[in-house]
N, C-alpha and C. Protein backbone atom coordinates (compact mmCIF):
# COMPACT_ATOMS: atom_id res chain seq x y z
N MET A 1 -32.27 -8.58 -4.30
CA MET A 1 -32.28 -9.28 -3.00
C MET A 1 -32.03 -8.31 -1.91
N ARG A 2 -32.87 -8.22 -0.93
CA ARG A 2 -32.74 -7.38 0.23
C ARG A 2 -32.29 -8.13 1.45
N LEU A 3 -31.25 -7.68 2.09
CA LEU A 3 -30.78 -8.29 3.31
C LEU A 3 -31.28 -7.52 4.48
N SER A 4 -31.72 -8.23 5.53
CA SER A 4 -32.25 -7.51 6.69
C SER A 4 -31.08 -7.01 7.61
N VAL A 5 -29.92 -7.57 7.45
CA VAL A 5 -28.70 -7.15 8.23
C VAL A 5 -27.77 -6.46 7.26
N PRO A 6 -27.33 -5.25 7.58
CA PRO A 6 -26.37 -4.59 6.74
C PRO A 6 -25.01 -5.31 6.76
N ILE A 7 -24.38 -5.35 5.62
CA ILE A 7 -23.08 -6.04 5.51
C ILE A 7 -22.01 -5.00 5.76
N GLY A 8 -21.16 -5.30 6.75
CA GLY A 8 -20.09 -4.44 7.07
C GLY A 8 -18.80 -4.83 6.32
N ARG A 9 -17.79 -4.02 6.47
CA ARG A 9 -16.50 -4.29 5.81
C ARG A 9 -15.89 -5.60 6.27
N ARG A 10 -15.95 -5.88 7.60
CA ARG A 10 -15.42 -7.12 8.11
C ARG A 10 -16.14 -8.32 7.54
N THR A 11 -17.42 -8.25 7.42
CA THR A 11 -18.23 -9.37 6.89
C THR A 11 -17.81 -9.61 5.43
N LEU A 12 -17.65 -8.50 4.67
CA LEU A 12 -17.26 -8.64 3.28
C LEU A 12 -15.87 -9.29 3.17
N LEU A 13 -14.93 -8.79 3.98
CA LEU A 13 -13.55 -9.36 3.98
C LEU A 13 -13.58 -10.82 4.42
N ARG A 14 -14.37 -11.15 5.41
CA ARG A 14 -14.43 -12.53 5.85
C ARG A 14 -15.00 -13.44 4.73
N ALA A 15 -16.06 -12.94 4.02
CA ALA A 15 -16.62 -13.71 2.92
C ALA A 15 -15.65 -13.83 1.79
N GLY A 16 -14.90 -12.74 1.53
CA GLY A 16 -13.89 -12.82 0.48
C GLY A 16 -12.76 -13.75 0.84
N GLY A 17 -12.35 -13.78 2.12
CA GLY A 17 -11.33 -14.69 2.59
C GLY A 17 -11.76 -16.14 2.49
N MET A 18 -13.05 -16.35 2.83
CA MET A 18 -13.59 -17.72 2.74
C MET A 18 -13.61 -18.19 1.28
N SER A 19 -14.09 -17.34 0.38
CA SER A 19 -14.11 -17.71 -1.01
C SER A 19 -12.73 -17.95 -1.58
N ALA A 20 -11.78 -17.09 -1.12
CA ALA A 20 -10.36 -17.28 -1.60
C ALA A 20 -9.85 -18.60 -1.13
N GLY A 21 -10.15 -18.98 0.18
CA GLY A 21 -9.70 -20.24 0.69
C GLY A 21 -10.30 -21.41 -0.05
N LEU A 22 -11.60 -21.33 -0.36
CA LEU A 22 -12.26 -22.41 -1.05
C LEU A 22 -11.66 -22.55 -2.47
N LEU A 23 -11.42 -21.43 -3.12
CA LEU A 23 -10.82 -21.52 -4.43
C LEU A 23 -9.41 -22.07 -4.39
N ALA A 24 -8.63 -21.67 -3.34
CA ALA A 24 -7.29 -22.23 -3.24
C ALA A 24 -7.35 -23.73 -3.03
N LEU A 25 -8.25 -24.25 -2.22
CA LEU A 25 -8.40 -25.64 -2.05
C LEU A 25 -8.79 -26.35 -3.32
N GLY A 26 -9.72 -25.69 -4.05
CA GLY A 26 -10.14 -26.30 -5.31
C GLY A 26 -9.09 -26.33 -6.38
N ARG A 27 -8.08 -25.50 -6.22
CA ARG A 27 -6.99 -25.43 -7.23
C ARG A 27 -5.89 -26.40 -6.91
N LEU A 28 -5.99 -27.14 -5.82
CA LEU A 28 -4.92 -28.07 -5.45
C LEU A 28 -4.81 -29.22 -6.45
N ARG A 29 -5.97 -29.61 -7.04
CA ARG A 29 -5.86 -30.63 -8.04
C ARG A 29 -5.29 -30.08 -9.27
N ALA A 30 -4.69 -30.94 -10.13
CA ALA A 30 -4.02 -30.47 -11.30
C ALA A 30 -5.04 -29.96 -12.32
N LEU A 31 -4.95 -28.68 -12.68
CA LEU A 31 -5.83 -28.08 -13.65
C LEU A 31 -5.07 -27.70 -14.89
N PRO A 32 -5.65 -27.87 -16.04
CA PRO A 32 -4.95 -27.40 -17.25
C PRO A 32 -4.96 -25.89 -17.30
N ALA A 33 -3.94 -25.33 -17.92
CA ALA A 33 -3.84 -23.90 -17.97
C ALA A 33 -5.03 -23.34 -18.71
N ALA A 34 -5.81 -22.46 -18.10
CA ALA A 34 -6.99 -21.90 -18.72
C ALA A 34 -6.62 -20.72 -19.61
N HIS A 35 -5.50 -20.13 -19.38
CA HIS A 35 -5.11 -18.98 -20.22
C HIS A 35 -3.61 -18.89 -20.30
N ALA A 36 -3.15 -18.27 -21.30
CA ALA A 36 -1.69 -18.13 -21.50
C ALA A 36 -1.16 -17.11 -20.55
N GLU A 37 0.10 -17.26 -20.16
CA GLU A 37 0.76 -16.27 -19.28
C GLU A 37 0.87 -15.00 -20.07
N SER A 38 0.26 -13.93 -19.54
CA SER A 38 0.23 -12.68 -20.25
C SER A 38 1.30 -11.71 -19.87
N VAL A 39 1.99 -11.97 -18.73
CA VAL A 39 3.04 -11.14 -18.25
C VAL A 39 4.39 -11.74 -18.61
N PRO A 40 5.17 -11.06 -19.47
CA PRO A 40 6.48 -11.62 -19.87
C PRO A 40 7.33 -11.88 -18.65
N ALA A 41 8.07 -12.98 -18.60
CA ALA A 41 8.89 -13.32 -17.46
C ALA A 41 10.01 -12.31 -17.24
N ASP A 42 10.42 -11.61 -18.28
CA ASP A 42 11.55 -10.68 -18.18
C ASP A 42 11.08 -9.24 -17.98
N ALA A 43 9.80 -9.00 -17.73
CA ALA A 43 9.29 -7.69 -17.54
C ALA A 43 9.96 -7.07 -16.27
N PRO A 44 10.51 -5.84 -16.39
CA PRO A 44 11.24 -5.27 -15.26
C PRO A 44 10.30 -4.57 -14.27
N LEU A 45 9.55 -5.35 -13.52
CA LEU A 45 8.61 -4.77 -12.56
C LEU A 45 9.36 -4.48 -11.24
N ARG A 46 9.05 -3.33 -10.70
CA ARG A 46 9.75 -2.90 -9.46
C ARG A 46 8.77 -2.80 -8.31
N VAL A 47 7.48 -2.70 -8.54
CA VAL A 47 6.51 -2.55 -7.45
C VAL A 47 5.56 -3.70 -7.44
N LEU A 48 4.99 -4.01 -8.60
CA LEU A 48 3.99 -5.07 -8.67
C LEU A 48 4.65 -6.44 -8.60
N SER A 49 3.97 -7.36 -7.85
CA SER A 49 4.44 -8.76 -7.82
C SER A 49 4.02 -9.37 -9.17
N ARG A 50 4.62 -10.48 -9.52
CA ARG A 50 4.29 -11.21 -10.75
C ARG A 50 2.81 -11.53 -10.79
N ARG A 51 2.24 -12.05 -9.71
CA ARG A 51 0.79 -12.40 -9.63
C ARG A 51 -0.09 -11.14 -9.79
N ASP A 52 0.28 -10.10 -9.07
CA ASP A 52 -0.52 -8.84 -9.16
C ASP A 52 -0.47 -8.33 -10.59
N ALA A 53 0.67 -8.47 -11.25
CA ALA A 53 0.85 -8.00 -12.64
C ALA A 53 -0.06 -8.81 -13.57
N GLU A 54 -0.14 -10.10 -13.31
CA GLU A 54 -0.96 -10.98 -14.14
C GLU A 54 -2.45 -10.57 -14.01
N ILE A 55 -2.93 -10.36 -12.73
CA ILE A 55 -4.29 -9.98 -12.52
C ILE A 55 -4.56 -8.64 -13.13
N LEU A 56 -3.68 -7.65 -12.88
CA LEU A 56 -3.86 -6.29 -13.42
C LEU A 56 -3.88 -6.29 -14.96
N THR A 57 -3.04 -7.16 -15.57
CA THR A 57 -3.06 -7.23 -17.05
C THR A 57 -4.43 -7.73 -17.53
N ALA A 58 -5.00 -8.70 -16.85
CA ALA A 58 -6.29 -9.23 -17.24
C ALA A 58 -7.40 -8.17 -17.06
N VAL A 59 -7.36 -7.48 -15.91
CA VAL A 59 -8.39 -6.42 -15.61
C VAL A 59 -8.26 -5.31 -16.63
N ALA A 60 -7.01 -4.80 -16.80
CA ALA A 60 -6.78 -3.67 -17.76
C ALA A 60 -7.07 -4.08 -19.16
N GLY A 61 -6.86 -5.32 -19.51
CA GLY A 61 -7.17 -5.87 -20.84
C GLY A 61 -8.64 -5.74 -21.15
N ARG A 62 -9.49 -6.06 -20.13
CA ARG A 62 -10.92 -5.96 -20.36
C ARG A 62 -11.41 -4.52 -20.32
N ILE A 63 -10.86 -3.70 -19.46
CA ILE A 63 -11.29 -2.33 -19.32
C ILE A 63 -10.93 -1.54 -20.55
N THR A 64 -9.81 -1.81 -21.15
CA THR A 64 -9.34 -1.03 -22.33
C THR A 64 -9.71 -1.67 -23.64
N PHE A 65 -10.30 -2.79 -23.63
CA PHE A 65 -10.64 -3.50 -24.87
C PHE A 65 -11.70 -2.68 -25.60
N THR A 66 -11.47 -2.33 -26.87
CA THR A 66 -12.36 -1.54 -27.68
C THR A 66 -13.03 -2.31 -28.75
N GLY A 67 -12.51 -3.48 -29.10
CA GLY A 67 -13.06 -4.26 -30.21
C GLY A 67 -12.57 -3.76 -31.62
N GLU A 68 -11.85 -2.67 -31.58
CA GLU A 68 -11.29 -2.09 -32.82
C GLU A 68 -10.06 -2.93 -33.21
N PRO A 69 -10.04 -3.54 -34.41
CA PRO A 69 -8.94 -4.35 -34.79
C PRO A 69 -7.56 -3.68 -34.83
N ARG A 70 -7.58 -2.35 -35.14
CA ARG A 70 -6.27 -1.62 -35.22
C ARG A 70 -5.74 -1.19 -33.89
N MET A 71 -6.58 -1.25 -32.86
CA MET A 71 -6.15 -0.85 -31.51
C MET A 71 -5.43 -2.00 -30.85
N PRO A 72 -4.23 -1.78 -30.33
CA PRO A 72 -3.51 -2.90 -29.72
C PRO A 72 -4.22 -3.35 -28.41
N LEU A 73 -3.96 -4.55 -28.03
CA LEU A 73 -4.45 -5.08 -26.77
C LEU A 73 -3.53 -4.59 -25.65
N PHE A 74 -4.06 -4.41 -24.46
CA PHE A 74 -3.26 -3.96 -23.28
C PHE A 74 -1.99 -4.83 -23.11
N ALA A 75 -2.13 -6.12 -23.21
CA ALA A 75 -1.01 -7.05 -22.99
C ALA A 75 0.08 -6.86 -24.05
N ASP A 76 -0.26 -6.27 -25.17
CA ASP A 76 0.73 -6.08 -26.27
C ASP A 76 1.47 -4.74 -26.15
N THR A 77 1.14 -3.99 -25.15
CA THR A 77 1.78 -2.66 -24.93
C THR A 77 2.68 -2.68 -23.71
N GLN A 78 3.30 -1.58 -23.42
CA GLN A 78 4.14 -1.42 -22.23
C GLN A 78 3.29 -0.79 -21.10
N GLY A 79 2.00 -0.94 -21.19
CA GLY A 79 1.07 -0.31 -20.20
C GLY A 79 1.38 -0.77 -18.77
N LEU A 80 1.66 -2.01 -18.60
CA LEU A 80 1.93 -2.55 -17.23
C LEU A 80 3.23 -1.89 -16.66
N ILE A 81 4.21 -1.68 -17.53
CA ILE A 81 5.46 -1.05 -17.04
C ILE A 81 5.20 0.41 -16.71
N THR A 82 4.30 1.07 -17.47
CA THR A 82 3.95 2.47 -17.15
C THR A 82 3.22 2.51 -15.80
N ILE A 83 2.32 1.58 -15.53
CA ILE A 83 1.58 1.56 -14.22
C ILE A 83 2.59 1.31 -13.11
N ASP A 84 3.43 0.33 -13.30
CA ASP A 84 4.45 -0.02 -12.26
C ASP A 84 5.33 1.19 -11.94
N THR A 85 5.74 1.92 -12.96
CA THR A 85 6.57 3.11 -12.79
C THR A 85 5.72 4.21 -12.06
N ALA A 86 4.48 4.35 -12.38
CA ALA A 86 3.66 5.33 -11.70
C ALA A 86 3.50 5.00 -10.19
N LEU A 87 3.42 3.71 -9.89
CA LEU A 87 3.27 3.26 -8.54
C LEU A 87 4.52 3.58 -7.71
N LEU A 88 5.66 3.66 -8.34
CA LEU A 88 6.92 4.04 -7.62
C LEU A 88 6.81 5.43 -7.02
N GLN A 89 6.02 6.30 -7.61
CA GLN A 89 5.92 7.68 -7.18
C GLN A 89 4.87 7.94 -6.12
N LEU A 90 4.17 6.85 -5.68
CA LEU A 90 3.12 6.99 -4.74
C LEU A 90 3.58 6.55 -3.35
N PRO A 91 2.90 6.92 -2.28
CA PRO A 91 3.25 6.44 -0.95
C PRO A 91 3.24 4.89 -0.92
N PRO A 92 4.05 4.30 -0.07
CA PRO A 92 4.21 2.81 -0.04
C PRO A 92 2.92 2.08 0.28
N ASP A 93 1.97 2.70 0.97
CA ASP A 93 0.72 1.98 1.29
C ASP A 93 -0.20 1.85 0.11
N VAL A 94 -0.04 2.66 -0.95
CA VAL A 94 -0.89 2.60 -2.14
C VAL A 94 -0.69 1.29 -2.90
N PRO A 95 0.55 0.90 -3.19
CA PRO A 95 0.70 -0.40 -3.87
C PRO A 95 0.16 -1.60 -3.09
N GLN A 96 0.27 -1.50 -1.76
CA GLN A 96 -0.25 -2.57 -0.92
C GLN A 96 -1.77 -2.62 -1.02
N GLN A 97 -2.42 -1.46 -1.03
CA GLN A 97 -3.88 -1.41 -1.16
C GLN A 97 -4.30 -1.90 -2.55
N LEU A 98 -3.50 -1.58 -3.56
CA LEU A 98 -3.76 -2.05 -4.92
C LEU A 98 -3.66 -3.56 -4.96
N SER A 99 -2.67 -4.13 -4.28
CA SER A 99 -2.48 -5.56 -4.25
C SER A 99 -3.72 -6.22 -3.61
N TRP A 100 -4.24 -5.66 -2.54
CA TRP A 100 -5.43 -6.18 -1.87
C TRP A 100 -6.59 -6.15 -2.83
N ALA A 101 -6.79 -5.01 -3.56
CA ALA A 101 -7.91 -4.87 -4.49
C ALA A 101 -7.80 -5.91 -5.61
N LEU A 102 -6.57 -6.11 -6.11
CA LEU A 102 -6.39 -7.07 -7.19
C LEU A 102 -6.69 -8.50 -6.72
N ARG A 103 -6.30 -8.88 -5.50
CA ARG A 103 -6.60 -10.17 -4.97
C ARG A 103 -8.13 -10.32 -4.71
N LEU A 104 -8.70 -9.23 -4.27
CA LEU A 104 -10.19 -9.31 -4.03
C LEU A 104 -10.92 -9.49 -5.35
N ILE A 105 -10.52 -8.81 -6.42
CA ILE A 105 -11.23 -8.95 -7.69
C ILE A 105 -10.92 -10.32 -8.32
N GLU A 106 -9.70 -10.85 -8.05
CA GLU A 106 -9.35 -12.15 -8.59
C GLU A 106 -10.26 -13.26 -8.00
N TYR A 107 -10.59 -13.16 -6.69
CA TYR A 107 -11.38 -14.25 -6.06
C TYR A 107 -12.84 -13.82 -5.84
N SER A 108 -13.30 -12.77 -6.45
CA SER A 108 -14.70 -12.32 -6.21
C SER A 108 -15.75 -12.97 -7.08
N PRO A 109 -15.44 -13.54 -8.26
CA PRO A 109 -16.50 -14.06 -9.11
C PRO A 109 -17.54 -15.00 -8.40
N PRO A 110 -17.17 -15.84 -7.47
CA PRO A 110 -18.24 -16.64 -6.85
C PRO A 110 -19.25 -15.75 -6.14
N LEU A 111 -18.81 -14.65 -5.54
CA LEU A 111 -19.72 -13.80 -4.84
C LEU A 111 -20.40 -12.76 -5.73
N THR A 112 -19.72 -12.26 -6.76
CA THR A 112 -20.26 -11.15 -7.55
C THR A 112 -21.09 -11.62 -8.74
N VAL A 113 -20.68 -12.71 -9.38
CA VAL A 113 -21.42 -13.17 -10.55
C VAL A 113 -21.83 -14.65 -10.47
N GLY A 114 -21.55 -15.29 -9.32
CA GLY A 114 -21.96 -16.68 -9.19
C GLY A 114 -21.25 -17.72 -9.97
N LYS A 115 -19.98 -17.36 -10.36
CA LYS A 115 -19.15 -18.33 -11.14
C LYS A 115 -18.05 -18.79 -10.23
N PHE A 116 -17.91 -20.10 -10.14
CA PHE A 116 -16.86 -20.69 -9.29
C PHE A 116 -15.53 -20.73 -10.06
N SER A 117 -14.90 -19.55 -10.15
CA SER A 117 -13.67 -19.41 -10.84
C SER A 117 -12.96 -18.17 -10.35
N THR A 118 -11.73 -18.04 -10.72
CA THR A 118 -11.06 -16.78 -10.46
C THR A 118 -11.33 -15.84 -11.64
N PHE A 119 -11.02 -14.57 -11.42
CA PHE A 119 -11.27 -13.55 -12.51
C PHE A 119 -10.43 -13.93 -13.73
N THR A 120 -9.15 -14.25 -13.54
CA THR A 120 -8.28 -14.56 -14.66
C THR A 120 -8.67 -15.89 -15.33
N GLY A 121 -9.45 -16.77 -14.63
CA GLY A 121 -9.90 -18.01 -15.24
C GLY A 121 -11.20 -17.92 -15.98
N LEU A 122 -11.85 -16.74 -15.87
CA LEU A 122 -13.15 -16.57 -16.57
C LEU A 122 -12.96 -16.24 -18.02
N PRO A 123 -13.94 -16.60 -18.88
CA PRO A 123 -13.89 -16.09 -20.26
C PRO A 123 -14.13 -14.60 -20.32
N PRO A 124 -13.67 -13.93 -21.37
CA PRO A 124 -13.77 -12.46 -21.43
C PRO A 124 -15.15 -11.88 -21.13
N GLU A 125 -16.20 -12.55 -21.65
CA GLU A 125 -17.58 -11.99 -21.41
C GLU A 125 -17.93 -12.02 -19.91
N TRP A 126 -17.48 -13.02 -19.21
CA TRP A 126 -17.77 -13.08 -17.74
C TRP A 126 -16.86 -12.16 -16.97
N GLN A 127 -15.63 -11.90 -17.46
CA GLN A 127 -14.77 -10.88 -16.87
C GLN A 127 -15.47 -9.54 -16.94
N ASP A 128 -16.08 -9.25 -18.12
CA ASP A 128 -16.82 -8.00 -18.26
C ASP A 128 -17.99 -7.87 -17.26
N VAL A 129 -18.70 -8.97 -17.08
CA VAL A 129 -19.82 -9.02 -16.16
C VAL A 129 -19.29 -8.74 -14.74
N THR A 130 -18.16 -9.34 -14.40
CA THR A 130 -17.58 -9.11 -13.07
C THR A 130 -17.20 -7.67 -12.85
N LEU A 131 -16.62 -7.07 -13.84
CA LEU A 131 -16.18 -5.65 -13.75
C LEU A 131 -17.38 -4.73 -13.65
N ILE A 132 -18.43 -5.06 -14.40
CA ILE A 132 -19.66 -4.25 -14.28
C ILE A 132 -20.26 -4.39 -12.94
N ALA A 133 -20.23 -5.59 -12.36
CA ALA A 133 -20.75 -5.81 -11.00
C ALA A 133 -19.96 -4.95 -10.01
N TRP A 134 -18.67 -4.85 -10.16
CA TRP A 134 -17.89 -3.99 -9.27
C TRP A 134 -18.23 -2.52 -9.49
N GLU A 135 -18.34 -2.15 -10.75
CA GLU A 135 -18.63 -0.70 -11.08
C GLU A 135 -19.93 -0.26 -10.51
N GLN A 136 -20.93 -1.14 -10.55
CA GLN A 136 -22.30 -0.77 -10.13
C GLN A 136 -22.68 -1.29 -8.75
N SER A 137 -21.71 -1.78 -8.03
CA SER A 137 -21.99 -2.38 -6.71
C SER A 137 -22.56 -1.39 -5.71
N ARG A 138 -23.39 -1.92 -4.85
CA ARG A 138 -23.90 -1.05 -3.74
C ARG A 138 -22.84 -0.88 -2.66
N ILE A 139 -21.81 -1.66 -2.71
CA ILE A 139 -20.70 -1.62 -1.71
C ILE A 139 -19.70 -0.54 -2.23
N ARG A 140 -19.60 0.45 -1.49
CA ARG A 140 -18.77 1.63 -1.89
C ARG A 140 -17.30 1.19 -2.09
N LEU A 141 -16.80 0.36 -1.27
CA LEU A 141 -15.43 -0.08 -1.36
C LEU A 141 -15.14 -0.76 -2.74
N LEU A 142 -16.07 -1.52 -3.24
CA LEU A 142 -15.88 -2.18 -4.54
C LEU A 142 -15.94 -1.12 -5.68
N ARG A 143 -16.80 -0.14 -5.55
CA ARG A 143 -16.87 0.92 -6.56
C ARG A 143 -15.57 1.74 -6.60
N ILE A 144 -15.06 2.06 -5.42
CA ILE A 144 -13.80 2.82 -5.33
C ILE A 144 -12.65 2.01 -5.92
N ALA A 145 -12.60 0.71 -5.60
CA ALA A 145 -11.52 -0.14 -6.10
C ALA A 145 -11.64 -0.22 -7.66
N PHE A 146 -12.87 -0.35 -8.17
CA PHE A 146 -13.04 -0.41 -9.61
C PHE A 146 -12.55 0.89 -10.25
N GLN A 147 -12.90 2.04 -9.70
CA GLN A 147 -12.43 3.29 -10.30
C GLN A 147 -10.93 3.43 -10.28
N ALA A 148 -10.29 2.95 -9.18
CA ALA A 148 -8.80 2.99 -9.14
C ALA A 148 -8.23 2.10 -10.24
N LEU A 149 -8.79 0.90 -10.41
CA LEU A 149 -8.29 -0.03 -11.43
C LEU A 149 -8.54 0.53 -12.83
N LYS A 150 -9.66 1.17 -13.03
CA LYS A 150 -10.03 1.76 -14.32
C LYS A 150 -9.01 2.92 -14.62
N ASN A 151 -8.81 3.77 -13.62
CA ASN A 151 -7.90 4.92 -13.84
C ASN A 151 -6.46 4.43 -14.17
N LEU A 152 -5.96 3.41 -13.45
CA LEU A 152 -4.66 2.92 -13.75
C LEU A 152 -4.60 2.25 -15.11
N SER A 153 -5.64 1.55 -15.46
CA SER A 153 -5.65 0.86 -16.75
C SER A 153 -5.62 1.91 -17.88
N MET A 154 -6.40 2.95 -17.77
CA MET A 154 -6.44 3.97 -18.81
C MET A 154 -5.08 4.71 -18.87
N LEU A 155 -4.51 4.99 -17.70
CA LEU A 155 -3.22 5.67 -17.69
C LEU A 155 -2.19 4.85 -18.39
N GLY A 156 -2.15 3.53 -18.03
CA GLY A 156 -1.12 2.66 -18.67
C GLY A 156 -1.33 2.45 -20.17
N PHE A 157 -2.56 2.33 -20.56
CA PHE A 157 -2.85 2.02 -21.92
C PHE A 157 -2.69 3.23 -22.88
N TYR A 158 -3.35 4.36 -22.52
CA TYR A 158 -3.31 5.52 -23.42
C TYR A 158 -2.08 6.31 -23.31
N ALA A 159 -1.11 5.97 -22.45
CA ALA A 159 0.17 6.60 -22.44
C ALA A 159 1.08 6.00 -23.49
N GLN A 160 0.65 4.96 -24.12
CA GLN A 160 1.49 4.24 -25.08
C GLN A 160 1.34 4.84 -26.47
N PRO A 161 2.44 5.22 -27.15
CA PRO A 161 2.32 5.86 -28.44
C PRO A 161 1.58 5.01 -29.53
N GLU A 162 1.60 3.70 -29.38
CA GLU A 162 0.89 2.85 -30.40
C GLU A 162 -0.61 2.99 -30.34
N THR A 163 -1.16 3.59 -29.24
CA THR A 163 -2.60 3.80 -29.16
C THR A 163 -3.03 5.15 -29.73
N TRP A 164 -2.11 6.06 -29.87
CA TRP A 164 -2.39 7.45 -30.27
C TRP A 164 -3.05 7.58 -31.60
N PRO A 165 -2.55 6.92 -32.66
CA PRO A 165 -3.20 7.11 -34.01
C PRO A 165 -4.64 6.74 -33.99
N GLN A 166 -5.05 5.73 -33.31
CA GLN A 166 -6.42 5.23 -33.34
C GLN A 166 -7.37 6.25 -32.61
N ILE A 167 -6.83 7.09 -31.72
CA ILE A 167 -7.68 8.07 -31.05
C ILE A 167 -7.42 9.44 -31.58
N HIS A 168 -6.73 9.51 -32.75
CA HIS A 168 -6.43 10.77 -33.45
C HIS A 168 -5.62 11.78 -32.62
N TYR A 169 -4.76 11.27 -31.82
CA TYR A 169 -3.82 12.08 -31.02
C TYR A 169 -2.49 11.98 -31.71
N GLN A 170 -1.91 13.18 -32.06
CA GLN A 170 -0.61 13.17 -32.79
C GLN A 170 0.56 13.19 -31.83
N GLY A 171 0.32 13.17 -30.55
CA GLY A 171 1.45 13.15 -29.63
C GLY A 171 1.76 14.54 -29.16
N PRO A 172 2.73 14.68 -28.21
CA PRO A 172 3.08 15.98 -27.73
C PRO A 172 3.80 16.79 -28.81
N TRP A 173 3.66 18.09 -28.75
CA TRP A 173 4.35 18.96 -29.75
C TRP A 173 5.86 18.86 -29.63
N ILE A 174 6.34 18.82 -28.42
CA ILE A 174 7.77 18.73 -28.21
C ILE A 174 8.05 17.35 -27.51
N MET A 175 8.74 16.51 -28.19
CA MET A 175 9.03 15.19 -27.62
C MET A 175 10.06 15.38 -26.52
N ARG A 176 9.73 14.82 -25.35
CA ARG A 176 10.67 14.82 -24.25
C ARG A 176 11.19 13.39 -24.04
N PRO A 177 12.38 13.29 -23.57
CA PRO A 177 12.86 11.94 -23.28
C PRO A 177 12.06 11.36 -22.09
N PRO A 178 11.87 10.02 -22.05
CA PRO A 178 11.15 9.45 -20.95
C PRO A 178 11.72 9.77 -19.62
N ARG A 179 10.91 10.05 -18.63
CA ARG A 179 11.39 10.36 -17.32
C ARG A 179 11.91 9.11 -16.61
N VAL A 180 13.03 9.23 -15.97
CA VAL A 180 13.59 8.12 -15.23
C VAL A 180 13.19 8.27 -13.75
N VAL A 181 12.59 7.26 -13.20
CA VAL A 181 12.12 7.30 -11.79
C VAL A 181 13.15 6.54 -10.99
N GLY A 182 13.40 7.05 -9.78
CA GLY A 182 14.40 6.43 -8.92
C GLY A 182 14.03 5.02 -8.49
N GLU A 183 14.89 4.40 -7.78
CA GLU A 183 14.61 2.99 -7.30
C GLU A 183 13.48 2.95 -6.35
N ALA A 184 12.95 1.73 -6.21
CA ALA A 184 11.81 1.52 -5.28
C ALA A 184 12.30 1.79 -3.86
N ARG A 185 11.36 2.21 -3.03
CA ARG A 185 11.69 2.50 -1.66
C ARG A 185 12.20 1.28 -0.91
């Protein structure tokens, strides 16, 4: 589909805001839980909000899913804690930008794949279609956001020792104690 008027960032954000508003209104009625809570209530998150953590877990779960039965799922690892700890070391505006990207991907399915649902409410095959739409989008902002989410997902997942045997990595030669990162700013 060719548009005669180029879409600017403000137009995209306005459309995203409108779709988010429509979805929020649509969720006012009582809905059955479409998916189980994937973020443990006692997870010690210091940067990510509980909602951002839920969205990031869903996104990272699809990005790192290999289909290999011996490979753990992202939600079954400490990958989210690893990402949260990495975010502590970045400038304060980066977690805020990540939060915006997560909210944008959460409410983008009506615009990107034509499904009137949130990303976390989609079945896995449609979550994959949404991620592919972001990866291959003509909108540079969506491609950059996808790459950031992909990099964080891979960082969090493959930093976990339980993933190493399946990729034939025997771990570091000299085991170091985990690094302790200071308190959030």
